[in-house]
């Protein structure tokens, strides 16, 4: 089995939920870190979730307040395992206001 560390990013996330990363087929992914940055000129609320093709979609963070110009390291030592085709998602309550960086390890 190969372990590959990667960084996935998404700029200008807004009010529509977007996929930040989808685990490929035949791959298990360990999410090591999630950083959210408010790049707007106002305070925002952030949501982070997981969509799963074989189970219920869930929110792992809902309406996290993120002041103007600040960032948040969401994981703080915890890990999340994504199975194949699971998608890590994000959204904000203000258009084009959120930059996301996700550090992962893919196991193939």
N, C-alpha and C. Protein backbone atom coordinates (compact mmCIF):
# COMPACT_ATOMS: atom_id res chain seq x y z
N UNK A 1 0.84 -1.17 0.00
CA UNK A 1 0.00 0.00 0.00
C UNK A 1 0.89 1.24 0.00
N UNK A 2 0.51 2.20 -0.84
CA UNK A 2 1.23 3.46 -0.93
C UNK A 2 0.51 4.54 -0.14
N UNK A 3 1.27 5.37 0.55
CA UNK A 3 0.74 6.52 1.29
C UNK A 3 1.23 7.79 0.61
N UNK A 4 0.32 8.63 0.16
CA UNK A 4 0.67 9.86 -0.52
C UNK A 4 0.04 11.05 0.20
N UNK A 5 0.89 11.98 0.66
CA UNK A 5 0.40 13.19 1.30
C UNK A 5 0.09 14.23 0.23
N UNK A 6 -1.04 14.93 0.38
CA UNK A 6 -1.46 15.92 -0.60
C UNK A 6 -2.13 17.10 0.08
N UNK A 7 -2.13 18.23 -0.63
CA UNK A 7 -2.85 19.42 -0.20
C UNK A 7 -3.91 19.72 -1.25
N UNK A 8 -5.15 19.85 -0.82
CA UNK A 8 -6.26 20.21 -1.71
C UNK A 8 -6.77 21.58 -1.28
N UNK A 9 -6.99 22.46 -2.25
CA UNK A 9 -7.44 23.81 -1.94
C UNK A 9 -8.64 24.19 -2.77
N UNK A 10 -9.40 25.14 -2.26
CA UNK A 10 -10.54 25.72 -2.98
C UNK A 10 -10.66 27.17 -2.54
N UNK A 11 -10.62 28.08 -3.53
CA UNK A 11 -10.70 29.51 -3.24
C UNK A 11 -12.10 30.03 -3.51
N UNK A 12 -12.47 31.09 -2.81
CA UNK A 12 -13.71 31.83 -3.05
C UNK A 12 -14.98 30.99 -2.92
N UNK A 13 -15.03 30.14 -1.90
CA UNK A 13 -16.23 29.36 -1.63
C UNK A 13 -17.32 30.31 -1.18
N UNK A 14 -18.56 30.02 -1.57
CA UNK A 14 -19.68 30.89 -1.23
C UNK A 14 -20.85 30.13 -0.65
N UNK A 15 -22.06 30.59 -0.97
CA UNK A 15 -23.28 30.08 -0.36
C UNK A 15 -23.71 28.72 -0.91
N UNK A 16 -23.17 28.32 -2.03
CA UNK A 16 -23.47 27.00 -2.58
C UNK A 16 -22.45 26.00 -2.06
N UNK A 17 -22.90 24.88 -1.53
CA UNK A 17 -21.99 23.86 -1.04
C UNK A 17 -21.13 23.34 -2.19
N UNK A 18 -19.81 23.30 -1.97
CA UNK A 18 -18.89 22.82 -3.00
C UNK A 18 -18.04 21.69 -2.45
N UNK A 19 -17.64 20.80 -3.34
CA UNK A 19 -16.74 19.73 -2.97
C UNK A 19 -15.31 20.22 -2.93
N UNK A 20 -14.64 19.97 -1.82
CA UNK A 20 -13.24 20.33 -1.69
C UNK A 20 -12.37 19.17 -2.15
N UNK A 21 -12.79 17.95 -1.82
CA UNK A 21 -12.02 16.76 -2.17
C UNK A 21 -12.95 15.56 -2.18
N UNK A 22 -12.77 14.69 -3.18
CA UNK A 22 -13.49 13.42 -3.25
C UNK A 22 -12.48 12.29 -3.26
N UNK A 23 -12.64 11.32 -2.37
CA UNK A 23 -11.72 10.19 -2.30
C UNK A 23 -11.87 9.34 -3.56
N UNK A 24 -10.78 9.07 -4.26
CA UNK A 24 -10.85 8.27 -5.49
C UNK A 24 -11.26 6.82 -5.23
N UNK A 25 -11.63 6.14 -6.30
CA UNK A 25 -11.95 4.71 -6.22
C UNK A 25 -10.74 3.95 -5.72
N UNK A 26 -10.97 2.92 -4.93
CA UNK A 26 -9.92 2.06 -4.37
C UNK A 26 -8.93 2.84 -3.49
N UNK A 27 -9.42 3.89 -2.84
CA UNK A 27 -8.56 4.71 -1.99
C UNK A 27 -9.27 5.02 -0.68
N UNK A 28 -8.53 4.92 0.40
CA UNK A 28 -8.97 5.41 1.70
C UNK A 28 -8.15 6.67 1.97
N UNK A 29 -8.80 7.70 2.46
CA UNK A 29 -8.12 8.97 2.70
C UNK A 29 -8.26 9.36 4.15
N UNK A 30 -7.14 9.78 4.74
CA UNK A 30 -7.15 10.32 6.09
C UNK A 30 -7.02 11.83 5.98
N UNK A 31 -8.02 12.54 6.48
CA UNK A 31 -7.97 14.00 6.53
C UNK A 31 -7.19 14.37 7.78
N UNK A 32 -6.07 15.07 7.56
CA UNK A 32 -5.17 15.41 8.65
C UNK A 32 -5.43 16.82 9.17
N UNK A 33 -5.78 17.73 8.27
CA UNK A 33 -6.01 19.10 8.69
C UNK A 33 -6.95 19.83 7.75
N UNK A 34 -7.76 20.73 8.31
CA UNK A 34 -8.65 21.58 7.53
C UNK A 34 -8.46 23.01 8.04
N UNK A 35 -8.08 23.91 7.13
CA UNK A 35 -7.94 25.31 7.48
C UNK A 35 -8.92 26.12 6.64
N UNK A 36 -9.70 26.96 7.30
CA UNK A 36 -10.67 27.83 6.63
C UNK A 36 -10.24 29.27 6.87
N UNK A 37 -10.23 30.08 5.80
CA UNK A 37 -9.82 31.48 5.93
C UNK A 37 -10.91 32.39 5.37
N UNK A 38 -11.27 33.39 6.14
CA UNK A 38 -12.24 34.39 5.70
C UNK A 38 -11.49 35.44 4.88
N UNK A 39 -11.78 35.49 3.58
CA UNK A 39 -11.10 36.44 2.68
C UNK A 39 -12.01 37.59 2.29
N UNK A 40 -13.13 37.73 2.99
CA UNK A 40 -14.09 38.80 2.67
C UNK A 40 -13.88 40.00 3.60
N UNK A 41 -14.68 41.01 3.37
CA UNK A 41 -14.59 42.22 4.19
C UNK A 41 -15.67 42.24 5.27
N UNK A 42 -16.26 41.07 5.57
CA UNK A 42 -17.27 40.99 6.63
C UNK A 42 -17.11 39.67 7.39
N UNK A 43 -17.80 39.55 8.51
CA UNK A 43 -17.83 38.29 9.25
C UNK A 43 -18.65 37.28 8.47
N UNK A 44 -18.26 35.99 8.56
CA UNK A 44 -19.00 34.94 7.87
C UNK A 44 -19.26 33.78 8.82
N UNK A 45 -20.14 32.88 8.38
CA UNK A 45 -20.39 31.61 9.07
C UNK A 45 -20.06 30.49 8.10
N UNK A 46 -19.32 29.50 8.58
CA UNK A 46 -18.78 28.44 7.74
C UNK A 46 -19.41 27.10 8.09
N UNK A 47 -19.65 26.28 7.07
CA UNK A 47 -20.11 24.92 7.26
C UNK A 47 -19.18 23.96 6.55
N UNK A 48 -18.88 22.82 7.19
CA UNK A 48 -18.05 21.78 6.60
C UNK A 48 -18.81 20.47 6.75
N UNK A 49 -18.83 19.66 5.69
CA UNK A 49 -19.59 18.43 5.74
C UNK A 49 -18.95 17.30 4.96
N UNK A 50 -19.61 16.16 4.99
CA UNK A 50 -19.19 14.99 4.22
C UNK A 50 -20.42 14.43 3.52
N UNK A 51 -20.31 14.24 2.21
CA UNK A 51 -21.35 13.54 1.47
C UNK A 51 -20.84 12.14 1.16
N UNK A 52 -21.74 11.16 1.32
CA UNK A 52 -21.36 9.76 1.13
C UNK A 52 -22.38 9.10 0.22
N UNK A 53 -21.91 8.41 -0.80
CA UNK A 53 -22.85 7.78 -1.73
C UNK A 53 -23.64 6.63 -1.10
N UNK A 54 -23.09 6.01 -0.05
CA UNK A 54 -23.75 4.84 0.53
C UNK A 54 -24.30 5.09 1.93
N UNK A 55 -24.35 6.35 2.35
CA UNK A 55 -24.84 6.66 3.70
C UNK A 55 -25.39 8.08 3.71
N UNK A 56 -25.86 8.51 4.87
CA UNK A 56 -26.39 9.87 5.01
C UNK A 56 -25.27 10.91 4.92
N UNK A 57 -25.58 12.03 4.29
CA UNK A 57 -24.68 13.18 4.31
C UNK A 57 -24.70 13.76 5.72
N UNK A 58 -23.54 14.26 6.16
CA UNK A 58 -23.46 14.82 7.51
C UNK A 58 -22.74 16.16 7.48
N UNK A 59 -22.97 16.94 8.53
CA UNK A 59 -22.23 18.16 8.76
C UNK A 59 -21.28 17.88 9.92
N UNK A 60 -20.01 18.21 9.73
CA UNK A 60 -19.06 18.03 10.82
C UNK A 60 -18.79 19.35 11.53
N UNK A 61 -19.23 20.43 10.90
CA UNK A 61 -19.18 21.76 11.52
C UNK A 61 -20.29 22.59 10.89
N UNK A 62 -21.04 23.30 11.70
CA UNK A 62 -22.18 24.07 11.19
C UNK A 62 -22.16 25.48 11.77
N UNK A 63 -22.24 26.45 10.88
CA UNK A 63 -22.33 27.87 11.27
C UNK A 63 -21.21 28.31 12.21
N UNK A 64 -19.98 27.94 11.87
CA UNK A 64 -18.83 28.40 12.66
C UNK A 64 -18.59 29.87 12.33
N UNK A 65 -18.65 30.76 13.31
CA UNK A 65 -18.38 32.17 13.03
C UNK A 65 -16.89 32.39 12.75
N UNK A 66 -16.62 33.10 11.67
CA UNK A 66 -15.24 33.39 11.28
C UNK A 66 -15.13 34.88 11.00
N UNK A 67 -14.52 35.63 11.93
CA UNK A 67 -14.43 37.08 11.76
C UNK A 67 -13.63 37.47 10.51
N UNK A 68 -13.89 38.66 10.06
CA UNK A 68 -13.20 39.22 8.89
C UNK A 68 -11.69 39.07 9.04
N UNK A 69 -11.04 38.53 7.99
CA UNK A 69 -9.59 38.42 7.96
C UNK A 69 -8.99 37.35 8.83
N UNK A 70 -9.79 36.47 9.41
CA UNK A 70 -9.24 35.44 10.30
C UNK A 70 -9.27 34.07 9.63
N UNK A 71 -8.60 33.12 10.29
CA UNK A 71 -8.62 31.74 9.80
C UNK A 71 -8.84 30.81 10.99
N UNK A 72 -9.19 29.57 10.66
CA UNK A 72 -9.49 28.57 11.69
C UNK A 72 -8.89 27.24 11.27
N UNK A 73 -8.10 26.62 12.17
CA UNK A 73 -7.63 25.25 11.97
C UNK A 73 -8.67 24.36 12.62
N UNK A 74 -9.43 23.64 11.79
CA UNK A 74 -10.59 22.92 12.27
C UNK A 74 -10.27 21.59 12.96
N UNK A 75 -9.27 20.87 12.52
CA UNK A 75 -9.06 19.50 13.00
C UNK A 75 -8.45 19.41 14.39
N UNK A 76 -7.46 20.19 14.71
CA UNK A 76 -6.79 20.22 16.01
C UNK A 76 -6.46 18.83 16.56
N UNK A 77 -5.73 18.04 15.77
CA UNK A 77 -5.26 16.73 16.23
C UNK A 77 -6.18 15.58 15.93
N UNK A 78 -7.42 15.83 15.53
CA UNK A 78 -8.33 14.74 15.19
C UNK A 78 -8.10 14.30 13.75
N UNK A 79 -8.62 13.15 13.38
CA UNK A 79 -8.53 12.64 12.02
C UNK A 79 -9.93 12.24 11.56
N UNK A 80 -10.15 12.36 10.25
CA UNK A 80 -11.39 11.88 9.64
C UNK A 80 -10.99 10.94 8.51
N UNK A 81 -11.61 9.79 8.42
CA UNK A 81 -11.34 8.84 7.36
C UNK A 81 -12.45 8.94 6.32
N UNK A 82 -12.04 9.14 5.06
CA UNK A 82 -12.98 9.15 3.94
C UNK A 82 -12.77 7.87 3.15
N UNK A 83 -13.87 7.19 2.84
CA UNK A 83 -13.79 6.00 1.99
C UNK A 83 -14.01 6.43 0.55
N UNK A 84 -13.80 5.51 -0.38
CA UNK A 84 -13.90 5.87 -1.80
C UNK A 84 -15.23 6.54 -2.11
N UNK A 85 -15.14 7.61 -2.89
CA UNK A 85 -16.26 8.44 -3.34
C UNK A 85 -16.91 9.31 -2.26
N UNK A 86 -16.39 9.30 -1.03
CA UNK A 86 -16.84 10.27 -0.03
C UNK A 86 -16.28 11.64 -0.41
N UNK A 87 -17.05 12.70 -0.18
CA UNK A 87 -16.62 14.06 -0.54
C UNK A 87 -16.66 14.97 0.67
N UNK A 88 -15.55 15.67 0.89
CA UNK A 88 -15.49 16.70 1.91
C UNK A 88 -16.02 17.99 1.28
N UNK A 89 -16.98 18.66 1.93
CA UNK A 89 -17.62 19.84 1.36
C UNK A 89 -17.47 21.04 2.28
N UNK A 90 -17.71 22.22 1.70
CA UNK A 90 -17.68 23.45 2.49
C UNK A 90 -18.63 24.46 1.89
N UNK A 91 -19.07 25.41 2.73
CA UNK A 91 -19.88 26.54 2.27
C UNK A 91 -19.76 27.68 3.27
N UNK A 92 -20.16 28.85 2.80
CA UNK A 92 -20.16 30.05 3.63
C UNK A 92 -21.52 30.71 3.47
N UNK A 93 -21.85 31.64 4.34
CA UNK A 93 -23.10 32.36 4.18
C UNK A 93 -22.93 33.65 3.38
N UNK A 94 -21.71 33.88 2.86
CA UNK A 94 -21.42 35.05 2.02
C UNK A 94 -20.68 34.57 0.77
N UNK A 95 -21.11 35.01 -0.40
CA UNK A 95 -20.47 34.59 -1.64
C UNK A 95 -19.01 34.99 -1.70
N UNK A 96 -18.20 34.11 -2.29
CA UNK A 96 -16.77 34.36 -2.56
C UNK A 96 -16.01 34.83 -1.33
N UNK A 97 -16.26 34.20 -0.18
CA UNK A 97 -15.71 34.70 1.08
C UNK A 97 -14.76 33.74 1.79
N UNK A 98 -14.66 32.51 1.31
CA UNK A 98 -13.97 31.48 2.08
C UNK A 98 -12.93 30.76 1.23
N UNK A 99 -11.69 30.70 1.73
CA UNK A 99 -10.66 29.87 1.12
C UNK A 99 -10.43 28.67 2.03
N UNK A 100 -10.31 27.48 1.41
CA UNK A 100 -10.15 26.24 2.17
C UNK A 100 -8.84 25.56 1.78
N UNK A 101 -8.15 24.99 2.77
CA UNK A 101 -6.96 24.17 2.54
C UNK A 101 -7.13 22.89 3.36
N UNK A 102 -6.99 21.75 2.69
CA UNK A 102 -7.19 20.47 3.34
C UNK A 102 -5.94 19.61 3.11
N UNK A 103 -5.34 19.15 4.20
CA UNK A 103 -4.19 18.26 4.13
C UNK A 103 -4.68 16.84 4.31
N UNK A 104 -4.29 15.97 3.37
CA UNK A 104 -4.77 14.58 3.39
C UNK A 104 -3.62 13.60 3.19
N UNK A 105 -3.89 12.34 3.53
CA UNK A 105 -3.03 11.24 3.16
C UNK A 105 -3.89 10.21 2.45
N UNK A 106 -3.58 9.92 1.20
CA UNK A 106 -4.29 8.90 0.44
C UNK A 106 -3.57 7.56 0.61
N UNK A 107 -4.35 6.53 0.90
CA UNK A 107 -3.82 5.18 1.05
C UNK A 107 -4.39 4.35 -0.09
N UNK A 108 -3.50 3.86 -0.97
CA UNK A 108 -3.96 3.09 -2.13
C UNK A 108 -3.41 1.68 -2.11
